[in-house]
PDB file of all heavy atoms in Angstrom:
ATOM      1  N   LYS A   1     108.429 125.395  86.169  1.00  0.00           N
ATOM      2  CA  LYS A   1     108.356 125.836  87.559  1.00  0.00           C
ATOM      3  C   LYS A   1     107.467 124.926  88.385  1.00  0.00           C
ATOM      4  O   LYS A   1     107.781 124.630  89.543  1.00  0.00           O
ATOM      5  CB  LYS A   1     107.861 127.278  87.632  1.00  0.00           C
ATOM      6  CG  LYS A   1     108.875 128.318  87.117  1.00  0.00           C
ATOM      7  CD  LYS A   1     108.317 129.722  87.245  1.00  0.00           C
ATOM      8  CE  LYS A   1     109.309 130.754  86.762  1.00  0.00           C
ATOM      9  NZ  LYS A   1     108.799 132.140  86.888  1.00  0.00           N
ATOM     10  N   LYS A   2     106.357 124.504  87.812  1.00  0.00           N
ATOM     11  CA  LYS A   2     105.470 123.590  88.545  1.00  0.00           C
ATOM     12  C   LYS A   2     106.126 122.246  88.797  1.00  0.00           C
ATOM     13  O   LYS A   2     105.961 121.639  89.870  1.00  0.00           O
ATOM     14  CB  LYS A   2     104.171 123.413  87.763  1.00  0.00           C
ATOM     15  CG  LYS A   2     103.207 124.615  87.829  1.00  0.00           C
ATOM     16  CD  LYS A   2     101.890 124.290  87.185  1.00  0.00           C
ATOM     17  CE  LYS A   2     100.928 125.464  87.304  1.00  0.00           C
ATOM     18  NZ  LYS A   2     100.570 125.725  88.722  1.00  0.00           N
ATOM     19  N   GLU A   3     106.892 121.785  87.823  1.00  0.00           N
ATOM     20  CA  GLU A   3     107.616 120.527  87.996  1.00  0.00           C
ATOM     21  C   GLU A   3     108.661 120.654  89.119  1.00  0.00           C
ATOM     22  O   GLU A   3     108.838 119.766  89.941  1.00  0.00           O
ATOM     23  CB  GLU A   3     108.282 120.103  86.705  1.00  0.00           C
ATOM     24  CG  GLU A   3     108.993 118.759  86.822  1.00  0.00           C
ATOM     25  CD  GLU A   3     109.646 118.324  85.519  1.00  0.00           C
ATOM     26  OE1 GLU A   3     109.543 119.076  84.530  1.00  0.00           O
ATOM     27  OE2 GLU A   3     110.256 117.243  85.516  1.00  0.00           O
ATOM     28  N   ALA A   4     109.378 121.805  89.126  1.00  0.00           N
ATOM     29  CA  ALA A   4     110.360 122.039  90.177  1.00  0.00           C
ATOM     30  C   ALA A   4     109.707 122.114  91.546  1.00  0.00           C
ATOM     31  O   ALA A   4     110.226 121.605  92.536  1.00  0.00           O
ATOM     32  CB  ALA A   4     111.130 123.347  89.873  1.00  0.00           C
ATOM     33  N   GLU A   5     108.539 122.765  91.596  1.00  0.00           N
ATOM     34  CA  GLU A   5     107.815 122.846  92.882  1.00  0.00           C
ATOM     35  C   GLU A   5     107.426 121.463  93.374  1.00  0.00           C
ATOM     36  O   GLU A   5     107.548 121.141  94.571  1.00  0.00           O
ATOM     37  CB  GLU A   5     106.585 123.696  92.713  1.00  0.00           C
ATOM     38  CG  GLU A   5     105.757 123.849  93.988  1.00  0.00           C
ATOM     39  CD  GLU A   5     104.489 124.647  93.807  1.00  0.00           C
ATOM     40  OE1 GLU A   5     104.209 125.092  92.656  1.00  0.00           O
ATOM     41  OE2 GLU A   5     103.773 124.843  94.798  1.00  0.00           O
ATOM     42  N   ALA A   6     106.954 120.612  92.478  1.00  0.00           N
ATOM     43  CA  ALA A   6     106.572 119.235  92.853  1.00  0.00           C
ATOM     44  C   ALA A   6     107.760 118.458  93.376  1.00  0.00           C
ATOM     45  O   ALA A   6     107.654 117.721  94.377  1.00  0.00           O
ATOM     46  CB  ALA A   6     105.939 118.523  91.653  1.00  0.00           C
ATOM     47  N   LYS A   7     108.924 118.596  92.699  1.00  0.00           N
ATOM     48  CA  LYS A   7     110.115 117.882  93.157  1.00  0.00           C
ATOM     49  C   LYS A   7     110.616 118.449  94.491  1.00  0.00           C
ATOM     50  O   LYS A   7     111.148 117.715  95.320  1.00  0.00           O
ATOM     51  CB  LYS A   7     111.199 117.982  92.081  1.00  0.00           C
ATOM     52  CG  LYS A   7     110.891 117.161  90.851  1.00  0.00           C
ATOM     53  CD  LYS A   7     112.024 117.216  89.829  1.00  0.00           C
ATOM     54  CE  LYS A   7     111.725 116.294  88.643  1.00  0.00           C
ATOM     55  NZ  LYS A   7     112.811 116.351  87.641  1.00  0.00           N
ATOM     56  N   PHE A   8     110.456 119.772  94.676  1.00  0.00           N
ATOM     57  CA  PHE A   8     110.845 120.403  95.922  1.00  0.00           C
ATOM     58  C   PHE A   8     110.037 119.801  97.083  1.00  0.00           C
ATOM     59  O   PHE A   8     110.566 119.487  98.147  1.00  0.00           O
ATOM     60  CB  PHE A   8     110.603 121.916  95.805  1.00  0.00           C
ATOM     61  CG  PHE A   8     111.124 122.720  96.949  1.00  0.00           C
ATOM     62  CD1 PHE A   8     112.469 123.034  97.029  1.00  0.00           C
ATOM     63  CD2 PHE A   8     110.275 123.211  97.914  1.00  0.00           C
ATOM     64  CE1 PHE A   8     112.967 123.820  98.084  1.00  0.00           C
ATOM     65  CE2 PHE A   8     110.762 123.985  98.976  1.00  0.00           C
ATOM     66  CZ  PHE A   8     112.106 124.269  99.049  1.00  0.00           C
ATOM     67  N   LYS A   9     108.713 119.658  96.862  1.00  0.00           N
ATOM     68  CA  LYS A   9     107.829 119.085  97.907  1.00  0.00           C
ATOM     69  C   LYS A   9     108.134 117.608  98.110  1.00  0.00           C
ATOM     70  O   LYS A   9     108.123 117.121  99.239  1.00  0.00           O
ATOM     71  CB  LYS A   9     106.376 119.271  97.493  1.00  0.00           C
ATOM     72  CG  LYS A   9     105.888 120.721  97.546  1.00  0.00           C
ATOM     73  CD  LYS A   9     104.433 120.806  97.101  1.00  0.00           C
ATOM     74  CE  LYS A   9     103.901 122.240  97.185  1.00  0.00           C
ATOM     75  NZ  LYS A   9     102.479 122.302  96.800  1.00  0.00           N
ATOM     76  N   GLU A  10     108.417 116.896  97.021  1.00  0.00           N
ATOM     77  CA  GLU A  10     108.724 115.461  97.128  1.00  0.00           C
ATOM     78  C   GLU A  10     109.976 115.250  97.966  1.00  0.00           C
ATOM     79  O   GLU A  10     110.037 114.344  98.815  1.00  0.00           O
ATOM     80  CB  GLU A  10     108.885 114.875  95.725  1.00  0.00           C
ATOM     81  CG  GLU A  10     109.124 113.360  95.728  1.00  0.00           C
ATOM     82  CD  GLU A  10     109.394 112.833  94.316  1.00  0.00           C
ATOM     83  OE1 GLU A  10     110.133 113.508  93.553  1.00  0.00           O
ATOM     84  OE2 GLU A  10     108.885 111.745  94.007  1.00  0.00           O
ATOM     85  N   ALA A  11     110.981 116.094  97.740  1.00  0.00           N
ATOM     86  CA  ALA A  11     112.233 115.979  98.499  1.00  0.00           C
ATOM     87  C   ALA A  11     111.987 116.276  99.978  1.00  0.00           C
ATOM     88  O   ALA A  11     112.542 115.640 100.862  1.00  0.00           O
ATOM     89  CB  ALA A  11     113.287 116.907  97.922  1.00  0.00           C
ATOM     90  N   ALA A  12     111.132 117.279 100.244  1.00  0.00           N
ATOM     91  CA  ALA A  12     110.813 117.640 101.641  1.00  0.00           C
ATOM     92  C   ALA A  12     110.133 116.500 102.350  1.00  0.00           C
ATOM     93  O   ALA A  12     110.400 116.200 103.524  1.00  0.00           O
ATOM     94  CB  ALA A  12     109.953 118.898 101.676  1.00  0.00           C
ATOM     95  N   GLU A  13     109.209 115.835 101.638  1.00  0.00           N
ATOM     96  CA  GLU A  13     108.508 114.694 102.225  1.00  0.00           C
ATOM     97  C   GLU A  13     109.488 113.559 102.536  1.00  0.00           C
ATOM     98  O   GLU A  13     109.415 112.945 103.623  1.00  0.00           O
ATOM     99  CB  GLU A  13     107.423 114.190 101.269  1.00  0.00           C
ATOM    100  CG  GLU A  13     106.667 112.995 101.789  1.00  0.00           C
ATOM    101  CD  GLU A  13     105.600 112.526 100.806  1.00  0.00           C
ATOM    102  OE1 GLU A  13     105.316 113.211  99.826  1.00  0.00           O
ATOM    103  OE2 GLU A  13     105.048 111.428 101.047  1.00  0.00           O
ATOM    104  N   ALA A  14     110.396 113.279 101.606  1.00  0.00           N
ATOM    105  CA  ALA A  14     111.373 112.214 101.817  1.00  0.00           C
ATOM    106  C   ALA A  14     112.282 112.552 102.991  1.00  0.00           C
ATOM    107  O   ALA A  14     112.570 111.706 103.848  1.00  0.00           O
ATOM    108  CB  ALA A  14     112.186 112.014 100.531  1.00  0.00           C
ATOM    109  N   TYR A  15     112.717 113.794 103.071  1.00  0.00           N
ATOM    110  CA  TYR A  15     113.627 114.201 104.159  1.00  0.00           C
ATOM    111  C   TYR A  15     112.910 114.134 105.502  1.00  0.00           C
ATOM    112  O   TYR A  15     113.504 113.734 106.513  1.00  0.00           O
ATOM    113  CB  TYR A  15     114.153 115.611 103.914  1.00  0.00           C
ATOM    114  CG  TYR A  15     115.038 116.106 105.025  1.00  0.00           C
ATOM    115  CD1 TYR A  15     116.302 115.577 105.220  1.00  0.00           C
ATOM    116  CD2 TYR A  15     114.600 117.114 105.913  1.00  0.00           C
ATOM    117  CE1 TYR A  15     117.118 116.028 106.247  1.00  0.00           C
ATOM    118  CE2 TYR A  15     115.402 117.567 106.935  1.00  0.00           C
ATOM    119  CZ  TYR A  15     116.655 117.022 107.095  1.00  0.00           C
ATOM    120  OH  TYR A  15     117.471 117.464 108.113  1.00  0.00           O
ATOM    121  N   ASP A  16     111.639 114.531 105.545  1.00  0.00           N
ATOM    122  CA  ASP A  16     110.883 114.508 106.795  1.00  0.00           C
ATOM    123  C   ASP A  16     110.890 113.109 107.387  1.00  0.00           C
ATOM    124  O   ASP A  16     110.953 112.956 108.603  1.00  0.00           O
ATOM    125  CB  ASP A  16     109.453 114.958 106.531  1.00  0.00           C
ATOM    126  CG  ASP A  16     108.583 114.851 107.764  1.00  0.00           C
ATOM    127  OD1 ASP A  16     108.830 115.588 108.729  1.00  0.00           O
ATOM    128  OD2 ASP A  16     107.665 114.024 107.779  1.00  0.00           O
ATOM    129  N   VAL A  17     110.817 112.092 106.558  1.00  0.00           N
ATOM    130  CA  VAL A  17     110.786 110.707 107.074  1.00  0.00           C
ATOM    131  C   VAL A  17     112.183 110.186 107.363  1.00  0.00           C
ATOM    132  O   VAL A  17     112.450 109.626 108.420  1.00  0.00           O
ATOM    133  CB  VAL A  17     110.090 109.793 106.033  1.00  0.00           C
ATOM    134  CG1 VAL A  17     110.226 108.317 106.434  1.00  0.00           C
ATOM    135  CG2 VAL A  17     108.619 110.155 105.918  1.00  0.00           C
ATOM    136  N   LEU A  18     113.135 110.373 106.439  1.00  0.00           N
ATOM    137  CA  LEU A  18     114.439 109.730 106.552  1.00  0.00           C
ATOM    138  C   LEU A  18     115.347 110.390 107.573  1.00  0.00           C
ATOM    139  O   LEU A  18     116.274 109.717 108.064  1.00  0.00           O
ATOM    140  CB  LEU A  18     115.110 109.692 105.178  1.00  0.00           C
ATOM    141  CG  LEU A  18     114.399 108.901 104.087  1.00  0.00           C
ATOM    142  CD1 LEU A  18     115.258 108.846 102.834  1.00  0.00           C
ATOM    143  CD2 LEU A  18     114.067 107.483 104.579  1.00  0.00           C
ATOM    144  N   HIS A  19     115.128 111.663 107.923  1.00  0.00           N
ATOM    145  CA  HIS A  19     116.020 112.263 108.906  1.00  0.00           C
ATOM    146  C   HIS A  19     115.580 111.984 110.337  1.00  0.00           C
ATOM    147  O   HIS A  19     116.330 112.250 111.275  1.00  0.00           O
ATOM    148  CB  HIS A  19     116.113 113.791 108.682  1.00  0.00           C
ATOM    149  CG  HIS A  19     115.105 114.598 109.449  1.00  0.00           C
ATOM    150  ND1 HIS A  19     113.757 114.586 109.112  1.00  0.00           N
ATOM    151  CD2 HIS A  19     115.241 115.415 110.524  1.00  0.00           C
ATOM    152  CE1 HIS A  19     113.110 115.379 109.957  1.00  0.00           C
ATOM    153  NE2 HIS A  19     113.983 115.889 110.828  1.00  0.00           N
ATOM    154  N   ASP A  20     114.378 111.430 110.498  1.00  0.00           N
ATOM    155  CA  ASP A  20     113.860 111.096 111.812  1.00  0.00           C
ATOM    156  C   ASP A  20     114.070 109.593 112.053  1.00  0.00           C
ATOM    157  O   ASP A  20     113.546 108.782 111.319  1.00  0.00           O
ATOM    158  CB  ASP A  20     112.370 111.416 111.875  1.00  0.00           C
ATOM    159  CG  ASP A  20     111.801 111.207 113.261  1.00  0.00           C
ATOM    160  OD1 ASP A  20     111.678 110.013 113.634  1.00  0.00           O
ATOM    161  OD2 ASP A  20     111.435 112.157 113.952  1.00  0.00           O
ATOM    162  N   PRO A  21     114.852 109.219 113.084  1.00  0.00           N
ATOM    163  CA  PRO A  21     115.193 107.788 113.276  1.00  0.00           C
ATOM    164  C   PRO A  21     113.967 106.905 113.391  1.00  0.00           C
ATOM    165  O   PRO A  21     113.924 105.790 112.829  1.00  0.00           O
ATOM    166  CB  PRO A  21     115.993 107.805 114.583  1.00  0.00           C
ATOM    167  CG  PRO A  21     116.584 109.160 114.661  1.00  0.00           C
ATOM    168  CD  PRO A  21     115.559 110.083 114.055  1.00  0.00           C
ATOM    169  N   GLN A  22     112.937 107.354 114.124  1.00  0.00           N
ATOM    170  CA  GLN A  22     111.733 106.518 114.312  1.00  0.00           C
ATOM    171  C   GLN A  22     110.960 106.369 112.986  1.00  0.00           C
ATOM    172  O   GLN A  22     110.563 105.277 112.611  1.00  0.00           O
ATOM    173  CB  GLN A  22     110.829 107.098 115.371  1.00  0.00           C
ATOM    174  CG  GLN A  22     111.305 106.771 116.790  1.00  0.00           C
ATOM    175  CD  GLN A  22     110.269 107.191 117.822  1.00  0.00           C
ATOM    176  OE1 GLN A  22     109.850 108.328 117.877  1.00  0.00           O
ATOM    177  NE2 GLN A  22     109.849 106.247 118.650  1.00  0.00           N
ATOM    178  N   LYS A  23     110.731 107.480 112.320  1.00  0.00           N
ATOM    179  CA  LYS A  23     109.996 107.429 111.051  1.00  0.00           C
ATOM    180  C   LYS A  23     110.752 106.588 110.025  1.00  0.00           C
ATOM    181  O   LYS A  23     110.165 105.805 109.274  1.00  0.00           O
ATOM    182  CB  LYS A  23     109.756 108.841 110.496  1.00  0.00           C
ATOM    183  CG  LYS A  23     108.817 109.695 111.335  1.00  0.00           C
ATOM    184  CD  LYS A  23     108.671 111.064 110.679  1.00  0.00           C
ATOM    185  CE  LYS A  23     107.833 112.000 111.554  1.00  0.00           C
ATOM    186  NZ  LYS A  23     107.738 113.341 110.978  1.00  0.00           N
ATOM    187  N   ARG A  24     112.067 106.746 109.992  1.00  0.00           N
ATOM    188  CA  ARG A  24     112.867 106.016 109.032  1.00  0.00           C
ATOM    189  C   ARG A  24     112.793 104.518 109.319  1.00  0.00           C
ATOM    190  O   ARG A  24     112.678 103.701 108.404  1.00  0.00           O
ATOM    191  CB  ARG A  24     114.319 106.486 109.084  1.00  0.00           C
ATOM    192  CG  ARG A  24     115.232 105.787 108.069  1.00  0.00           C
ATOM    193  CD  ARG A  24     116.633 106.335 108.146  1.00  0.00           C
ATOM    194  NE  ARG A  24     117.529 105.696 107.183  1.00  0.00           N
ATOM    195  CZ  ARG A  24     118.814 105.953 107.065  1.00  0.00           C
ATOM    196  NH1 ARG A  24     119.356 106.880 107.835  1.00  0.00           N
ATOM    197  NH2 ARG A  24     119.550 105.324 106.172  1.00  0.00           N
ATOM    198  N   GLN A  25     112.849 104.159 110.610  1.00  0.00           N
ATOM    199  CA  GLN A  25     112.757 102.731 110.957  1.00  0.00           C
ATOM    200  C   GLN A  25     111.411 102.146 110.560  1.00  0.00           C
ATOM    201  O   GLN A  25     111.338 101.034 110.015  1.00  0.00           O
ATOM    202  CB  GLN A  25     112.991 102.565 112.461  1.00  0.00           C
ATOM    203  CG  GLN A  25     113.058 101.125 112.930  1.00  0.00           C
ATOM    204  CD  GLN A  25     111.717 100.536 113.216  1.00  0.00           C
ATOM    205  OE1 GLN A  25     110.830 101.225 113.726  1.00  0.00           O
ATOM    206  NE2 GLN A  25     111.522  99.269 112.884  1.00  0.00           N
ATOM    207  N   ARG A  26     110.323 102.913 110.790  1.00  0.00           N
ATOM    208  CA  ARG A  26     108.991 102.429 110.397  1.00  0.00           C
ATOM    209  C   ARG A  26     108.886 102.327 108.887  1.00  0.00           C
ATOM    210  O   ARG A  26     108.304 101.379 108.352  1.00  0.00           O
ATOM    211  CB  ARG A  26     107.911 103.378 110.923  1.00  0.00           C
ATOM    212  CG  ARG A  26     107.782 103.387 112.444  1.00  0.00           C
ATOM    213  CD  ARG A  26     106.414 103.953 112.860  1.00  0.00           C
ATOM    214  NE  ARG A  26     106.184 105.297 112.395  1.00  0.00           N
ATOM    215  CZ  ARG A  26     106.422 106.382 113.111  1.00  0.00           C
ATOM    216  NH1 ARG A  26     106.918 106.299 114.331  1.00  0.00           N
ATOM    217  NH2 ARG A  26     106.167 107.599 112.599  1.00  0.00           N
ATOM    218  N   TYR A  27     109.471 103.289 108.157  1.00  0.00           N
ATOM    219  CA  TYR A  27     109.447 103.253 106.689  1.00  0.00           C
ATOM    220  C   TYR A  27     110.223 102.064 106.148  1.00  0.00           C
ATOM    221  O   TYR A  27     109.782 101.358 105.250  1.00  0.00           O
ATOM    222  CB  TYR A  27     109.995 104.564 106.123  1.00  0.00           C
ATOM    223  CG  TYR A  27     110.082 104.543 104.605  1.00  0.00           C
ATOM    224  CD1 TYR A  27     108.959 104.560 103.805  1.00  0.00           C
ATOM    225  CD2 TYR A  27     111.341 104.492 103.985  1.00  0.00           C
ATOM    226  CE1 TYR A  27     109.063 104.540 102.425  1.00  0.00           C
ATOM    227  CE2 TYR A  27     111.433 104.480 102.604  1.00  0.00           C
ATOM    228  CZ  TYR A  27     110.286 104.516 101.843  1.00  0.00           C
ATOM    229  OH  TYR A  27     110.394 104.479 100.461  1.00  0.00           O
ATOM    230  N   ASP A  28     111.429 101.817 106.759  1.00  0.00           N
ATOM    231  CA  ASP A  28     112.238 100.700 106.308  1.00  0.00           C
ATOM    232  C   ASP A  28     111.525  99.376 106.509  1.00  0.00           C
ATOM    233  O   ASP A  28     111.693  98.433 105.713  1.00  0.00           O
ATOM    234  CB  ASP A  28     113.574 100.690 107.069  1.00  0.00           C
ATOM    235  CG  ASP A  28     114.517 101.790 106.606  1.00  0.00           C
ATOM    236  OD1 ASP A  28     114.276 102.350 105.523  1.00  0.00           O
ATOM    237  OD2 ASP A  28     115.491 102.081 107.332  1.00  0.00           O
ATOM    238  N   GLN A  29     110.747  99.270 107.563  1.00  0.00           N
ATOM    239  CA  GLN A  29     110.087  98.021 107.868  1.00  0.00           C
ATOM    240  C   GLN A  29     108.745  97.862 107.189  1.00  0.00           C
ATOM    241  O   GLN A  29     108.391  96.787 106.706  1.00  0.00           O
ATOM    242  CB  GLN A  29     109.880  97.876 109.386  1.00  0.00           C
ATOM    243  CG  GLN A  29     109.354  96.502 109.785  1.00  0.00           C
ATOM    244  CD  GLN A  29     109.349  96.311 111.277  1.00  0.00           C
ATOM    245  OE1 GLN A  29     109.545  97.254 112.026  1.00  0.00           O
ATOM    246  NE2 GLN A  29     109.111  95.091 111.727  1.00  0.00           N
ATOM    247  N   PHE A  30     107.957  98.950 107.101  1.00  0.00           N
ATOM    248  CA  PHE A  30     106.592  98.838 106.627  1.00  0.00           C
ATOM    249  C   PHE A  30     106.325  99.617 105.342  1.00  0.00           C
ATOM    250  O   PHE A  30     105.200  99.604 104.839  1.00  0.00           O
ATOM    251  CB  PHE A  30     105.588  99.302 107.703  1.00  0.00           C
ATOM    252  CG  PHE A  30     105.713  98.545 108.982  1.00  0.00           C
ATOM    253  CD1 PHE A  30     106.350  99.097 110.089  1.00  0.00           C
ATOM    254  CD2 PHE A  30     105.186  97.277 109.078  1.00  0.00           C
ATOM    255  CE1 PHE A  30     106.469  98.403 111.274  1.00  0.00           C
ATOM    256  CE2 PHE A  30     105.298  96.569 110.274  1.00  0.00           C
ATOM    257  CZ  PHE A  30     105.938  97.123 111.366  1.00  0.00           C
ATOM    258  N   GLY A  31     107.340 100.342 104.811  1.00  0.00           N
ATOM    259  CA  GLY A  31     107.108 101.130 103.604  1.00  0.00           C
ATOM    260  C   GLY A  31     106.241 102.339 103.884  1.00  0.00           C
ATOM    261  O   GLY A  31     106.191 102.854 105.009  1.00  0.00           O
ATOM    262  N   PHE A  32     105.517 102.819 102.876  1.00  0.00           N
ATOM    263  CA  PHE A  32     104.674 104.001 103.047  1.00  0.00           C
ATOM    264  C   PHE A  32     103.583 103.794 104.084  1.00  0.00           C
ATOM    265  O   PHE A  32     103.172 104.744 104.743  1.00  0.00           O
ATOM    266  CB  PHE A  32     104.034 104.386 101.703  1.00  0.00           C
ATOM    267  CG  PHE A  32     105.035 104.791 100.656  1.00  0.00           C
ATOM    268  CD1 PHE A  32     105.235 104.038  99.518  1.00  0.00           C
ATOM    269  CD2 PHE A  32     105.821 105.925 100.816  1.00  0.00           C
ATOM    270  CE1 PHE A  32     106.155 104.405  98.549  1.00  0.00           C
ATOM    271  CE2 PHE A  32     106.769 106.299  99.866  1.00  0.00           C
ATOM    272  CZ  PHE A  32     106.935 105.537  98.718  1.00  0.00           C
ATOM    273  N   ALA A  33     103.147 102.567 104.259  1.00  0.00           N
ATOM    274  CA  ALA A  33     102.104 102.288 105.256  1.00  0.00           C
ATOM    275  C   ALA A  33     102.606 102.578 106.663  1.00  0.00           C
ATOM    276  O   ALA A  33     101.801 102.869 107.550  1.00  0.00           O
ATOM    277  CB  ALA A  33     101.646 100.846 105.148  1.00  0.00           C
ATOM    278  N   GLY A  34     103.910 102.485 106.900  1.00  0.00           N
ATOM    279  CA  GLY A  34     104.444 102.717 108.221  1.00  0.00           C
ATOM    280  C   GLY A  34     104.527 104.172 108.617  1.00  0.00           C
ATOM    281  O   GLY A  34     104.676 104.473 109.812  1.00  0.00           O
TER     282      GLY A  34
END
C-alpha cells in the first residue's frame, strides 16, 4: 500500500507539470530545475 501511495503521488507530480503548457515547456528545456 505504501508503494502504491508513492506511485500515486509520483504520477500526480508528473501530471501537474506535463498537463500545463508552460510548466511542460520549462521542464522540456531545463529538466527538474525548470
